[in-house]
Amino acid sequence: MTVKRVILEMGAGNDLHGGDYTKAALRAVQDALHHSSLSFVGTLKVDKSKLLVDVTIGVQEPDKVDADKVKASLPVGVVTVKVVKGGLDMPDASGGDKAVIASAAIQVMVDV
């Protein structure tokens, strides 16, 4: 058997006040999930628990993302989460706050 990617979905999320990278990452994952439907799972009788789900999150400060929270937000599969430098921080003009923008890429793979 060989693992093949069957879905690649992207999303973006933000935390407009407070600079919470995990909140922005979770919103990016939810954005990506809401663009997808895994209808092939039922059609092909694929065991949802055996889907391989790889999540990559891009933010400016990767060490500030709670990858376990991101992992727990995925509804199916064997999930792995990697956080890398990416996304965007937009400082507030007053200098006391920043908006955090995260990007997410979710790959779903099956063993065929």
N, C-alpha and C. Protein backbone atom coordinates (compact mmCIF):
# COMPACT_ATOMS: atom_id res chain seq x y z
N MET A 1 0.84 -1.19 0.00
CA MET A 1 0.00 0.00 0.00
C MET A 1 0.89 1.26 0.00
N THR A 2 0.32 2.34 -0.53
CA THR A 2 1.03 3.61 -0.64
C THR A 2 0.14 4.73 -0.12
N VAL A 3 0.74 5.66 0.60
CA VAL A 3 0.00 6.82 1.10
C VAL A 3 -0.09 7.86 0.00
N LYS A 4 -1.32 8.33 -0.26
CA LYS A 4 -1.56 9.35 -1.29
C LYS A 4 -2.34 10.51 -0.68
N ARG A 5 -1.94 11.73 -1.07
CA ARG A 5 -2.69 12.91 -0.63
C ARG A 5 -3.97 13.00 -1.43
N VAL A 6 -5.10 13.16 -0.73
CA VAL A 6 -6.39 13.28 -1.39
C VAL A 6 -7.02 14.66 -1.19
N ILE A 7 -6.55 15.39 -0.21
CA ILE A 7 -7.08 16.74 0.06
C ILE A 7 -5.92 17.65 0.46
N LEU A 8 -5.93 18.85 -0.05
CA LEU A 8 -5.06 19.92 0.42
C LEU A 8 -5.94 21.15 0.54
N GLU A 9 -6.06 21.66 1.73
CA GLU A 9 -6.92 22.82 1.95
C GLU A 9 -6.13 23.86 2.75
N MET A 10 -6.37 25.13 2.42
CA MET A 10 -5.70 26.22 3.10
C MET A 10 -6.71 27.11 3.80
N GLY A 11 -6.25 27.75 4.86
CA GLY A 11 -7.11 28.69 5.58
C GLY A 11 -6.28 29.78 6.22
N ALA A 12 -6.96 30.83 6.63
CA ALA A 12 -6.32 31.95 7.32
C ALA A 12 -7.16 32.31 8.52
N GLY A 13 -6.48 32.73 9.57
CA GLY A 13 -7.19 33.14 10.78
C GLY A 13 -6.42 34.26 11.45
N ASN A 14 -7.10 34.98 12.31
CA ASN A 14 -6.43 36.09 12.97
C ASN A 14 -6.90 36.27 14.40
N ASP A 15 -6.09 36.96 15.16
CA ASP A 15 -6.47 37.49 16.46
C ASP A 15 -6.19 38.98 16.37
N LEU A 16 -7.24 39.76 16.32
CA LEU A 16 -7.09 41.19 16.06
C LEU A 16 -6.53 41.99 17.24
N HIS A 17 -6.74 41.48 18.46
CA HIS A 17 -6.25 42.19 19.65
C HIS A 17 -5.68 41.18 20.63
N GLY A 18 -4.48 41.43 21.08
CA GLY A 18 -3.91 40.56 22.09
C GLY A 18 -2.77 39.70 21.63
N GLY A 19 -2.60 39.54 20.33
CA GLY A 19 -1.47 38.78 19.82
C GLY A 19 -1.46 37.32 20.21
N ASP A 20 -2.63 36.68 20.23
CA ASP A 20 -2.73 35.27 20.61
C ASP A 20 -2.53 34.38 19.38
N TYR A 21 -1.34 33.82 19.27
CA TYR A 21 -1.00 33.01 18.10
C TYR A 21 -1.81 31.72 18.03
N THR A 22 -2.10 31.12 19.18
CA THR A 22 -2.91 29.90 19.17
C THR A 22 -4.32 30.18 18.69
N LYS A 23 -4.91 31.27 19.14
CA LYS A 23 -6.26 31.64 18.70
C LYS A 23 -6.27 31.84 17.18
N ALA A 24 -5.29 32.54 16.67
CA ALA A 24 -5.21 32.77 15.22
C ALA A 24 -5.03 31.45 14.47
N ALA A 25 -4.19 30.56 15.00
CA ALA A 25 -3.96 29.25 14.37
C ALA A 25 -5.23 28.42 14.35
N LEU A 26 -5.96 28.40 15.46
CA LEU A 26 -7.22 27.65 15.52
C LEU A 26 -8.23 28.19 14.51
N ARG A 27 -8.28 29.48 14.36
CA ARG A 27 -9.20 30.08 13.40
C ARG A 27 -8.78 29.75 11.97
N ALA A 28 -7.49 29.69 11.71
CA ALA A 28 -7.01 29.32 10.37
C ALA A 28 -7.38 27.87 10.05
N VAL A 29 -7.25 26.99 11.04
CA VAL A 29 -7.62 25.59 10.83
C VAL A 29 -9.12 25.48 10.57
N GLN A 30 -9.93 26.17 11.35
CA GLN A 30 -11.38 26.12 11.15
C GLN A 30 -11.76 26.68 9.78
N ASP A 31 -11.08 27.74 9.34
CA ASP A 31 -11.33 28.29 8.02
C ASP A 31 -11.06 27.24 6.94
N ALA A 32 -9.94 26.54 7.05
CA ALA A 32 -9.61 25.50 6.08
C ALA A 32 -10.63 24.36 6.12
N LEU A 33 -11.01 23.94 7.32
CA LEU A 33 -11.97 22.84 7.45
C LEU A 33 -13.33 23.19 6.84
N HIS A 34 -13.72 24.43 6.96
CA HIS A 34 -15.02 24.83 6.44
C HIS A 34 -15.05 24.99 4.93
N HIS A 35 -13.90 24.80 4.28
CA HIS A 35 -13.84 24.82 2.82
C HIS A 35 -13.87 23.41 2.24
N SER A 36 -13.89 22.40 3.10
CA SER A 36 -13.73 21.02 2.63
C SER A 36 -14.92 20.15 3.02
N SER A 37 -15.09 19.13 2.23
CA SER A 37 -16.03 18.06 2.55
C SER A 37 -15.34 16.75 2.20
N LEU A 38 -15.28 15.86 3.15
CA LEU A 38 -14.63 14.58 2.91
C LEU A 38 -15.65 13.54 2.47
N SER A 39 -16.41 13.85 1.45
CA SER A 39 -17.48 12.95 1.01
C SER A 39 -16.95 11.61 0.53
N PHE A 40 -15.69 11.57 0.08
CA PHE A 40 -15.12 10.31 -0.37
C PHE A 40 -15.02 9.29 0.76
N VAL A 41 -14.95 9.76 2.00
CA VAL A 41 -14.83 8.85 3.14
C VAL A 41 -16.01 7.89 3.20
N GLY A 42 -17.22 8.43 3.10
CA GLY A 42 -18.40 7.58 3.11
C GLY A 42 -18.58 6.80 1.83
N THR A 43 -18.33 7.47 0.71
CA THR A 43 -18.52 6.83 -0.59
C THR A 43 -17.61 5.61 -0.76
N LEU A 44 -16.36 5.76 -0.32
CA LEU A 44 -15.38 4.68 -0.50
C LEU A 44 -15.23 3.82 0.76
N LYS A 45 -16.04 4.11 1.77
CA LYS A 45 -16.00 3.36 3.03
C LYS A 45 -14.60 3.37 3.66
N VAL A 46 -14.00 4.56 3.70
CA VAL A 46 -12.69 4.74 4.32
C VAL A 46 -12.89 4.89 5.83
N ASP A 47 -12.08 4.23 6.61
CA ASP A 47 -12.13 4.35 8.06
C ASP A 47 -11.58 5.72 8.46
N LYS A 48 -12.45 6.60 8.99
CA LYS A 48 -12.04 7.96 9.34
C LYS A 48 -10.89 7.99 10.34
N SER A 49 -10.83 6.99 11.20
CA SER A 49 -9.77 6.98 12.21
C SER A 49 -8.40 6.70 11.60
N LYS A 50 -8.37 6.23 10.35
CA LYS A 50 -7.10 5.91 9.70
C LYS A 50 -6.64 6.98 8.72
N LEU A 51 -7.43 8.06 8.57
CA LEU A 51 -6.97 9.17 7.73
C LEU A 51 -5.72 9.78 8.36
N LEU A 52 -4.76 10.12 7.53
CA LEU A 52 -3.56 10.80 8.01
C LEU A 52 -3.74 12.28 7.73
N VAL A 53 -3.72 13.09 8.77
CA VAL A 53 -3.99 14.52 8.65
C VAL A 53 -2.75 15.28 9.11
N ASP A 54 -2.12 15.97 8.17
CA ASP A 54 -0.94 16.78 8.48
C ASP A 54 -1.32 18.25 8.40
N VAL A 55 -1.09 18.96 9.49
CA VAL A 55 -1.42 20.38 9.57
C VAL A 55 -0.12 21.17 9.69
N THR A 56 0.02 22.18 8.86
CA THR A 56 1.14 23.11 8.98
C THR A 56 0.57 24.49 9.23
N ILE A 57 1.05 25.11 10.30
CA ILE A 57 0.62 26.46 10.69
C ILE A 57 1.79 27.41 10.49
N GLY A 58 1.52 28.55 9.88
CA GLY A 58 2.54 29.58 9.72
C GLY A 58 2.18 30.81 10.52
N VAL A 59 3.06 31.19 11.45
CA VAL A 59 2.91 32.42 12.24
C VAL A 59 4.30 33.03 12.46
N GLN A 60 4.33 34.27 12.82
CA GLN A 60 5.60 34.95 13.03
C GLN A 60 6.38 34.43 14.24
N GLU A 61 5.67 33.93 15.25
CA GLU A 61 6.35 33.40 16.44
C GLU A 61 5.84 31.98 16.70
N PRO A 62 6.40 30.99 15.97
CA PRO A 62 5.91 29.62 16.04
C PRO A 62 5.88 29.02 17.45
N ASP A 63 6.82 29.39 18.29
CA ASP A 63 6.88 28.82 19.65
C ASP A 63 5.72 29.29 20.54
N LYS A 64 4.93 30.24 20.07
CA LYS A 64 3.79 30.73 20.86
C LYS A 64 2.47 30.06 20.48
N VAL A 65 2.52 29.03 19.63
CA VAL A 65 1.32 28.28 19.26
C VAL A 65 1.28 27.00 20.08
N ASP A 66 0.15 26.73 20.70
CA ASP A 66 -0.06 25.48 21.43
C ASP A 66 -0.51 24.43 20.40
N ALA A 67 0.46 23.66 19.91
CA ALA A 67 0.17 22.67 18.86
C ALA A 67 -0.80 21.60 19.34
N ASP A 68 -0.80 21.28 20.63
CA ASP A 68 -1.74 20.29 21.16
C ASP A 68 -3.19 20.77 21.04
N LYS A 69 -3.42 22.06 21.26
CA LYS A 69 -4.77 22.61 21.09
C LYS A 69 -5.20 22.55 19.63
N VAL A 70 -4.27 22.86 18.74
CA VAL A 70 -4.57 22.79 17.31
C VAL A 70 -4.90 21.35 16.93
N LYS A 71 -4.09 20.42 17.39
CA LYS A 71 -4.31 19.00 17.10
C LYS A 71 -5.68 18.55 17.59
N ALA A 72 -6.05 18.97 18.79
CA ALA A 72 -7.33 18.56 19.37
C ALA A 72 -8.52 19.13 18.61
N SER A 73 -8.31 20.16 17.81
CA SER A 73 -9.43 20.79 17.09
C SER A 73 -9.81 20.05 15.82
N LEU A 74 -8.99 19.08 15.39
CA LEU A 74 -9.28 18.33 14.17
C LEU A 74 -10.22 17.18 14.51
N PRO A 75 -11.29 17.01 13.72
CA PRO A 75 -12.35 16.06 14.09
C PRO A 75 -12.06 14.60 13.79
N VAL A 76 -11.14 14.30 12.87
CA VAL A 76 -10.91 12.89 12.48
C VAL A 76 -9.44 12.66 12.20
N GLY A 77 -9.07 11.40 12.19
CA GLY A 77 -7.78 10.99 11.69
C GLY A 77 -6.66 10.98 12.70
N VAL A 78 -5.52 10.56 12.19
CA VAL A 78 -4.27 10.59 12.94
C VAL A 78 -3.60 11.91 12.58
N VAL A 79 -3.58 12.83 13.53
CA VAL A 79 -3.21 14.22 13.24
C VAL A 79 -1.79 14.53 13.70
N THR A 80 -1.05 15.20 12.82
CA THR A 80 0.24 15.77 13.20
C THR A 80 0.18 17.27 12.91
N VAL A 81 0.83 18.04 13.77
CA VAL A 81 0.84 19.50 13.62
C VAL A 81 2.28 19.98 13.63
N LYS A 82 2.60 20.81 12.64
CA LYS A 82 3.91 21.45 12.57
C LYS A 82 3.67 22.95 12.51
N VAL A 83 4.41 23.70 13.31
CA VAL A 83 4.28 25.17 13.31
C VAL A 83 5.59 25.75 12.80
N VAL A 84 5.46 26.61 11.78
CA VAL A 84 6.64 27.19 11.13
C VAL A 84 6.52 28.72 11.10
N LYS A 85 7.63 29.35 10.79
CA LYS A 85 7.60 30.81 10.65
C LYS A 85 6.83 31.19 9.39
N GLY A 86 5.90 32.08 9.52
CA GLY A 86 5.07 32.51 8.40
C GLY A 86 4.06 33.52 8.91
N GLY A 87 2.91 33.57 8.28
CA GLY A 87 1.88 34.48 8.73
C GLY A 87 2.33 35.93 8.68
N LEU A 88 1.68 36.74 9.52
CA LEU A 88 1.96 38.18 9.50
C LEU A 88 1.53 38.80 10.82
N ASP A 89 2.35 39.68 11.35
CA ASP A 89 1.98 40.50 12.50
C ASP A 89 1.80 41.93 12.02
N MET A 90 0.72 42.55 12.45
CA MET A 90 0.47 43.95 12.11
C MET A 90 0.39 44.75 13.41
N PRO A 91 1.43 45.53 13.71
CA PRO A 91 1.40 46.30 14.96
C PRO A 91 0.36 47.41 14.90
N ASP A 92 -0.21 47.69 16.06
CA ASP A 92 -1.14 48.81 16.21
C ASP A 92 -0.33 50.10 16.14
N ALA A 93 -0.91 51.14 15.58
CA ALA A 93 -0.21 52.42 15.46
C ALA A 93 0.23 52.97 16.81
N SER A 94 -0.52 52.65 17.88
CA SER A 94 -0.16 53.13 19.21
C SER A 94 0.99 52.34 19.81
N GLY A 95 1.31 51.18 19.21
CA GLY A 95 2.41 50.37 19.70
C GLY A 95 2.07 49.45 20.84
N GLY A 96 0.83 49.46 21.31
CA GLY A 96 0.47 48.65 22.47
C GLY A 96 -0.22 47.35 22.13
N ASP A 97 -0.45 47.08 20.86
CA ASP A 97 -1.21 45.89 20.48
C ASP A 97 -0.74 45.46 19.10
N LYS A 98 -1.11 44.24 18.71
CA LYS A 98 -0.83 43.80 17.35
C LYS A 98 -1.89 42.80 16.92
N ALA A 99 -2.15 42.81 15.63
CA ALA A 99 -3.01 41.79 15.04
C ALA A 99 -2.11 40.67 14.53
N VAL A 100 -2.52 39.45 14.81
CA VAL A 100 -1.76 38.27 14.41
C VAL A 100 -2.55 37.55 13.33
N ILE A 101 -1.89 37.26 12.21
CA ILE A 101 -2.51 36.53 11.12
C ILE A 101 -1.76 35.21 10.94
N ALA A 102 -2.51 34.12 10.99
CA ALA A 102 -1.94 32.78 10.83
C ALA A 102 -2.44 32.17 9.53
N SER A 103 -1.61 31.35 8.92
CA SER A 103 -2.04 30.57 7.76
C SER A 103 -1.97 29.09 8.15
N ALA A 104 -2.86 28.31 7.54
CA ALA A 104 -2.90 26.88 7.80
C ALA A 104 -3.00 26.13 6.48
N ALA A 105 -2.26 25.03 6.40
CA ALA A 105 -2.40 24.09 5.29
C ALA A 105 -2.71 22.74 5.90
N ILE A 106 -3.78 22.12 5.44
CA ILE A 106 -4.18 20.81 5.94
C ILE A 106 -4.14 19.82 4.79
N GLN A 107 -3.34 18.78 4.98
CA GLN A 107 -3.27 17.69 4.00
C GLN A 107 -3.93 16.45 4.61
N VAL A 108 -4.77 15.81 3.83
CA VAL A 108 -5.37 14.54 4.25
C VAL A 108 -4.85 13.48 3.30
N MET A 109 -4.33 12.41 3.87
CA MET A 109 -3.78 11.32 3.07
C MET A 109 -4.44 10.01 3.45
N VAL A 110 -4.52 9.12 2.49
CA VAL A 110 -5.05 7.79 2.75
C VAL A 110 -4.06 6.76 2.23
N ASP A 111 -4.11 5.61 2.83
CA ASP A 111 -3.28 4.49 2.40
C ASP A 111 -4.08 3.72 1.35
N VAL A 112 -3.61 3.74 0.10
CA VAL A 112 -4.35 3.08 -0.99
C VAL A 112 -3.63 1.86 -1.50
